Protein backbone atom coordinates (compact mmCIF):
# COMPACT_ATOMS: atom_id res chain seq x y z
CA MET A 1 53.60 25.85 -33.93
CA ARG A 2 51.54 26.04 -30.76
CA LEU A 3 49.23 28.66 -29.24
CA PHE A 4 47.94 28.69 -25.67
CA VAL A 5 44.89 30.82 -24.87
CA PHE A 6 44.05 31.72 -21.30
CA GLY A 7 40.32 32.42 -21.45
CA LEU A 8 38.94 31.22 -24.76
CA GLY A 9 36.08 33.67 -25.23
CA TYR A 10 34.74 35.49 -28.27
CA VAL A 11 38.06 37.03 -29.32
CA GLY A 12 40.22 34.13 -28.19
CA GLU A 13 38.25 31.65 -30.25
CA ALA A 14 38.44 33.85 -33.35
CA PHE A 15 42.21 34.21 -32.96
CA ALA A 16 42.62 30.49 -32.36
CA SER A 17 40.63 29.74 -35.52
CA ALA A 18 42.89 32.03 -37.55
CA LEU A 19 46.00 30.24 -36.29
CA LYS A 20 44.43 26.80 -36.80
CA ALA A 21 44.04 27.82 -40.42
CA ARG A 22 47.80 28.39 -40.46
CA GLY A 23 48.34 24.87 -39.16
CA TRP A 24 48.93 25.75 -35.51
CA GLU A 25 47.99 23.48 -32.61
CA ILE A 26 45.73 25.17 -30.05
CA THR A 27 45.56 24.61 -26.30
CA ALA A 28 43.34 26.63 -23.97
CA SER A 29 42.51 26.88 -20.30
CA ALA A 30 39.49 24.96 -19.00
CA ARG A 31 38.52 24.96 -15.34
CA ASP A 32 35.95 22.14 -15.39
CA ALA A 33 34.97 19.02 -17.29
CA ALA A 34 32.21 20.76 -19.27
CA GLN A 35 34.62 23.43 -20.53
CA ALA A 36 37.18 20.78 -21.39
CA ALA A 37 34.65 18.75 -23.36
CA ALA A 38 33.50 21.85 -25.26
CA LEU A 39 37.11 22.66 -26.22
CA ARG A 40 37.82 19.12 -27.39
CA ALA A 41 34.72 19.28 -29.59
CA LYS A 42 36.31 22.28 -31.32
CA GLY A 43 39.62 20.52 -31.82
CA ILE A 44 41.31 22.42 -28.98
CA THR A 45 43.30 20.68 -26.25
CA PRO A 46 42.13 21.75 -22.76
CA ALA A 47 44.44 22.39 -19.81
CA ASP A 48 43.43 23.01 -16.20
CA PRO A 49 45.05 26.33 -15.16
CA THR A 50 44.88 25.32 -11.49
CA ASP A 51 46.96 22.18 -12.12
CA ARG A 52 50.61 23.29 -12.31
CA ASP A 53 51.86 20.08 -13.91
CA ALA A 54 49.07 20.01 -16.50
CA LEU A 55 49.62 23.66 -17.36
CA SER A 56 53.36 23.19 -17.57
CA ALA A 57 52.85 20.30 -19.98
CA ALA A 58 50.49 22.45 -22.08
CA LEU A 59 53.06 25.26 -22.25
CA THR A 60 56.02 23.06 -23.17
CA GLY A 61 57.24 24.21 -26.56
CA VAL A 62 54.54 26.90 -26.84
CA ASN A 63 55.22 29.61 -29.43
CA ALA A 64 52.55 32.15 -28.52
CA ILE A 65 50.21 32.91 -25.62
CA LEU A 66 47.06 35.02 -25.69
CA VAL A 67 45.58 36.23 -22.41
CA THR A 68 41.96 37.39 -22.56
CA ALA A 69 40.75 36.78 -19.00
CA PRO A 70 39.92 39.95 -17.02
CA PRO A 71 41.82 40.71 -13.81
CA GLY A 72 40.19 40.25 -10.44
CA PRO A 73 40.81 41.86 -7.04
CA ASP A 74 44.13 39.98 -6.80
CA GLY A 75 45.33 40.89 -10.28
CA CYS A 76 45.53 38.92 -13.51
CA PRO A 77 44.73 35.23 -12.92
CA ALA A 78 46.71 34.23 -15.99
CA LEU A 79 49.88 35.85 -14.69
CA GLU A 80 49.76 33.90 -11.45
CA ALA A 81 49.18 30.60 -13.28
CA ILE A 82 51.28 30.96 -16.42
CA ILE A 83 54.59 32.37 -15.20
CA PRO A 84 55.43 29.55 -12.74
CA ALA A 85 54.29 26.99 -15.31
CA LEU A 86 56.51 28.55 -17.99
CA ALA A 87 59.46 28.36 -15.62
CA GLN A 88 58.70 24.73 -14.82
CA ALA A 89 58.40 23.90 -18.53
CA GLN A 90 61.49 25.97 -19.36
CA ALA A 91 59.40 27.47 -22.15
CA PHE A 92 60.10 30.83 -23.77
CA PRO A 93 57.29 31.80 -26.14
CA ASP A 94 58.07 34.23 -28.95
CA TRP A 95 54.99 36.33 -28.23
CA ILE A 96 52.53 36.98 -25.41
CA GLY A 97 49.47 39.08 -26.20
CA TYR A 98 47.51 40.67 -23.37
CA LEU A 99 44.01 41.95 -24.15
CA SER A 100 43.21 45.10 -22.20
CA THR A 101 40.59 47.81 -22.65
CA THR A 102 40.40 51.44 -23.70
CA GLY A 103 38.71 51.88 -20.32
CA VAL A 104 42.21 52.41 -18.90
CA TYR A 105 42.07 55.97 -20.30
CA GLY A 106 38.91 56.98 -18.46
CA ASP A 107 37.00 60.07 -19.58
CA PHE A 108 38.53 62.64 -21.93
CA ASP A 109 35.42 64.72 -22.69
CA GLY A 110 35.39 63.54 -26.30
CA ARG A 111 39.05 64.35 -26.99
CA TRP A 112 41.44 62.01 -28.80
CA VAL A 113 43.53 59.58 -26.77
CA PHE A 114 46.72 57.80 -27.79
CA GLU A 115 48.83 55.04 -26.27
CA THR A 116 50.90 57.74 -24.56
CA SER A 117 47.86 59.49 -23.02
CA PRO A 118 47.53 59.50 -19.22
CA LEU A 119 45.70 56.50 -17.79
CA LYS A 120 42.80 57.88 -15.75
CA ALA A 121 40.62 54.80 -15.29
CA GLN A 122 37.41 55.73 -13.50
CA SER A 123 36.05 52.28 -12.71
CA VAL A 124 37.37 49.49 -10.53
CA GLU A 125 37.51 47.28 -13.62
CA GLY A 126 39.54 49.85 -15.55
CA ALA A 127 41.95 50.34 -12.65
CA ARG A 128 42.51 46.59 -12.46
CA ARG A 129 43.34 46.55 -16.16
CA VAL A 130 45.93 49.30 -15.60
CA GLY A 131 47.52 47.17 -12.91
CA ALA A 132 47.44 44.01 -15.00
CA GLU A 133 49.07 45.79 -17.95
CA ARG A 134 51.83 47.04 -15.66
CA ASP A 135 52.38 43.60 -14.14
CA TRP A 136 52.67 41.90 -17.53
CA ARG A 137 55.16 44.52 -18.78
CA GLN A 138 57.27 44.07 -15.67
CA VAL A 139 57.26 40.29 -16.02
CA GLY A 140 58.14 40.63 -19.69
CA ARG A 141 61.14 42.83 -18.93
CA GLY A 142 62.22 40.67 -16.00
CA MET A 143 62.03 37.37 -17.89
CA GLY A 144 63.03 38.64 -21.31
CA LEU A 145 59.62 37.81 -22.80
CA THR A 146 57.98 39.68 -25.66
CA VAL A 147 54.71 40.95 -24.17
CA ALA A 148 52.40 43.15 -26.26
CA THR A 149 49.28 44.87 -24.89
CA PHE A 150 46.16 45.55 -26.95
CA ARG A 151 43.61 48.09 -25.73
CA LEU A 152 40.19 47.23 -27.11
CA PRO A 153 36.95 49.27 -27.19
CA GLY A 154 33.43 47.86 -27.62
CA ILE A 155 33.69 44.63 -29.61
CA TYR A 156 31.12 43.54 -32.17
CA GLY A 157 30.84 40.84 -34.79
CA PRO A 158 28.63 37.92 -35.85
CA GLY A 159 26.16 37.11 -33.11
CA ARG A 160 27.18 40.17 -31.15
CA SER A 161 26.06 43.40 -32.80
CA ALA A 162 23.31 45.99 -32.97
CA LEU A 163 21.63 43.73 -35.53
CA ASP A 164 21.25 40.99 -32.93
CA ARG A 165 19.93 43.41 -30.31
CA LEU A 166 17.30 44.68 -32.72
CA ARG A 167 16.22 41.15 -33.66
CA ALA A 168 15.89 40.32 -29.97
CA GLY A 169 13.75 43.40 -29.37
CA GLU A 170 16.48 44.97 -27.23
CA GLY A 171 17.58 47.78 -29.53
CA ARG A 172 17.75 51.14 -27.75
CA ARG A 173 18.89 54.60 -28.84
CA ILE A 174 20.20 56.21 -25.67
CA VAL A 175 21.09 59.80 -26.54
CA LYS A 176 23.69 61.67 -24.51
CA THR A 177 24.70 64.91 -26.20
CA GLY A 178 28.28 64.86 -27.46
CA GLN A 179 28.87 61.22 -26.49
CA VAL A 180 30.95 59.05 -28.83
CA PHE A 181 32.48 55.60 -28.54
CA SER A 182 35.13 53.71 -30.46
CA ARG A 183 34.43 50.13 -31.48
CA ILE A 184 36.09 47.26 -33.34
CA HIS A 185 34.96 44.27 -35.38
CA VAL A 186 36.29 40.98 -34.01
CA ASP A 187 37.95 40.18 -37.36
CA ASP A 188 39.96 43.39 -37.11
CA ILE A 189 41.15 42.46 -33.63
CA VAL A 190 42.36 39.15 -35.03
CA SER A 191 44.21 40.81 -37.91
CA GLY A 192 45.86 43.21 -35.45
CA LEU A 193 46.98 40.35 -33.22
CA LEU A 194 48.34 38.46 -36.23
CA ALA A 195 50.24 41.56 -37.37
CA SER A 196 51.88 41.81 -33.94
CA LEU A 197 52.59 38.07 -33.83
CA ASP A 198 54.32 38.32 -37.22
CA CYS A 199 56.31 41.41 -36.17
CA PRO A 200 56.62 41.29 -32.37
CA ARG A 201 57.94 44.13 -30.24
CA ALA A 202 58.54 43.68 -26.55
CA GLY A 203 56.51 46.17 -24.52
CA GLY A 204 54.36 47.20 -27.48
CA ILE A 205 51.02 48.83 -26.61
CA TYR A 206 48.40 49.26 -29.32
CA ASN A 207 44.89 50.66 -29.56
CA LEU A 208 42.96 48.34 -31.87
CA VAL A 209 39.93 50.45 -32.78
CA ASP A 210 38.15 51.43 -35.98
CA ASP A 211 38.59 54.76 -37.76
CA GLU A 212 35.38 56.50 -36.72
CA PRO A 213 34.31 57.02 -33.12
CA ALA A 214 30.55 57.53 -33.31
CA PRO A 215 27.47 58.12 -31.16
CA PRO A 216 25.84 54.79 -30.24
CA GLN A 217 22.42 55.96 -31.42
CA ASP A 218 23.82 56.40 -34.95
CA VAL A 219 24.96 52.78 -34.97
CA MET A 220 21.55 51.54 -33.84
CA GLU A 221 19.77 53.67 -36.43
CA HIS A 222 22.00 52.36 -39.22
CA ALA A 223 21.45 48.76 -38.09
CA ALA A 224 17.68 49.28 -38.12
CA ARG A 225 17.78 50.65 -41.64
CA LEU A 226 19.88 47.69 -42.80
CA LEU A 227 17.26 45.31 -41.38
CA GLY A 228 14.36 47.36 -42.68
CA VAL A 229 12.80 47.66 -39.22
CA PRO A 230 11.60 50.76 -37.37
CA VAL A 231 14.33 52.86 -35.80
CA PRO A 232 13.97 52.69 -32.00
CA PRO A 233 12.84 55.95 -30.44
CA ASP A 234 15.33 58.27 -28.75
CA LEU A 235 15.79 57.67 -25.03
CA PRO A 236 17.32 60.71 -23.33
CA PHE A 237 20.26 59.76 -21.13
CA ASN A 238 19.10 59.11 -17.56
CA GLU A 239 21.45 57.42 -15.10
CA LEU A 240 18.60 56.47 -12.79
CA GLY A 241 17.18 53.98 -15.26
CA MET A 242 20.49 52.31 -16.15
CA SER A 243 22.43 49.34 -14.86
CA PRO A 244 25.80 50.06 -13.20
CA ALA A 245 27.60 48.64 -16.25
CA THR A 246 25.73 50.95 -18.63
CA ARG A 247 26.38 53.94 -16.38
CA ARG A 248 30.09 53.16 -16.42
CA PHE A 249 29.97 52.86 -20.20
CA TYR A 250 28.40 56.29 -20.65
CA ALA A 251 30.63 57.93 -18.04
CA GLU A 252 33.57 57.81 -20.45
CA ASN A 253 33.62 59.92 -23.60
CA LYS A 254 36.69 59.77 -25.82
CA ARG A 255 37.96 59.25 -29.33
CA VAL A 256 40.63 56.54 -29.50
CA SER A 257 43.38 56.76 -32.12
CA ASN A 258 44.63 53.70 -34.01
CA ALA A 259 47.51 55.57 -35.70
CA LEU A 260 50.27 53.68 -33.88
CA ALA A 261 48.98 50.22 -34.83
CA LYS A 262 48.75 51.37 -38.43
CA ALA A 263 52.25 52.87 -38.45
CA GLU A 264 54.08 50.17 -36.49
CA LEU A 265 52.23 47.00 -37.44
CA GLY A 266 51.09 47.97 -40.93
CA TRP A 267 47.58 47.11 -39.73
CA ARG A 268 44.48 48.42 -41.42
CA PRO A 269 40.95 47.60 -40.23
CA LYS A 270 38.98 45.71 -42.84
CA TYR A 271 35.90 47.43 -41.41
CA PRO A 272 37.01 51.06 -40.85
CA THR A 273 33.56 52.07 -39.56
CA TYR A 274 30.48 50.38 -38.15
CA ARG A 275 28.79 50.75 -41.52
CA GLU A 276 31.12 48.33 -43.31
CA GLY A 277 31.17 46.01 -40.31
CA LEU A 278 27.41 45.72 -39.95
CA ALA A 279 26.94 45.31 -43.70
CA ALA A 280 29.40 42.41 -43.74
CA ILE A 281 27.71 40.71 -40.79
CA LEU A 282 24.32 41.01 -42.46
CA LYS A 283 25.64 39.77 -45.81
CA ALA A 284 27.14 36.71 -44.10
CA GLY A 285 23.77 35.93 -42.56
CA GLY A 286 24.62 37.23 -39.11
């Protein structure tokens, strides 16, 4: 069995590791020699996505594809590269997973959103994700491919959590009244992707989020108590002192439901809230 990952980042590498444990062969995109060498060191075969013949060879006989790369001004870079290469290779994977973001929903003033909720993306990045989702669904229908979309919130895990920010002296408790965010542990993303891979549905769209949307300052406070360090002081929300990315983050307030993934995929997050997730990271030495 073979997996191809377009954009082997934090989530892609975790998913690839899970499938390697099942005995799968892993190939991933690499745009330069340094990336290719780093992949080979991890036991992953690199393929240049700008080289049609090389990509076609990498996709020959592929069983599953995961796309993690964000779209740019011209749309999803994976779509432009992969579809012609699949046609050249005459390959028909059983499953294509596209990683999107809950940013496609925009701001709902703290209300619950579901996969059927209107998409009201407020940022350029969110709007591009809406377009990329649409393009992948259309290609899936047109080519008879099973494409599933996964909308992800803030991702945390080993090496990437409030614990790490506190250790680095970067922990902040920005307080905006009524603001909540959904989040997800990387391991729970992987288990959701595996559940879809094992029971694929063409056109499936799933929110992979934990069970408890929460204010970010609560997460930081809990992390500080786990580490036994002082809780950072409250910083009242002030757009003037924030980066554009942070302003975009706080401009959207919603609670994201994971009910569909639970009902359709039989998925359950191992870490239903940030409390279990942070405790597991700390216990594992992260």
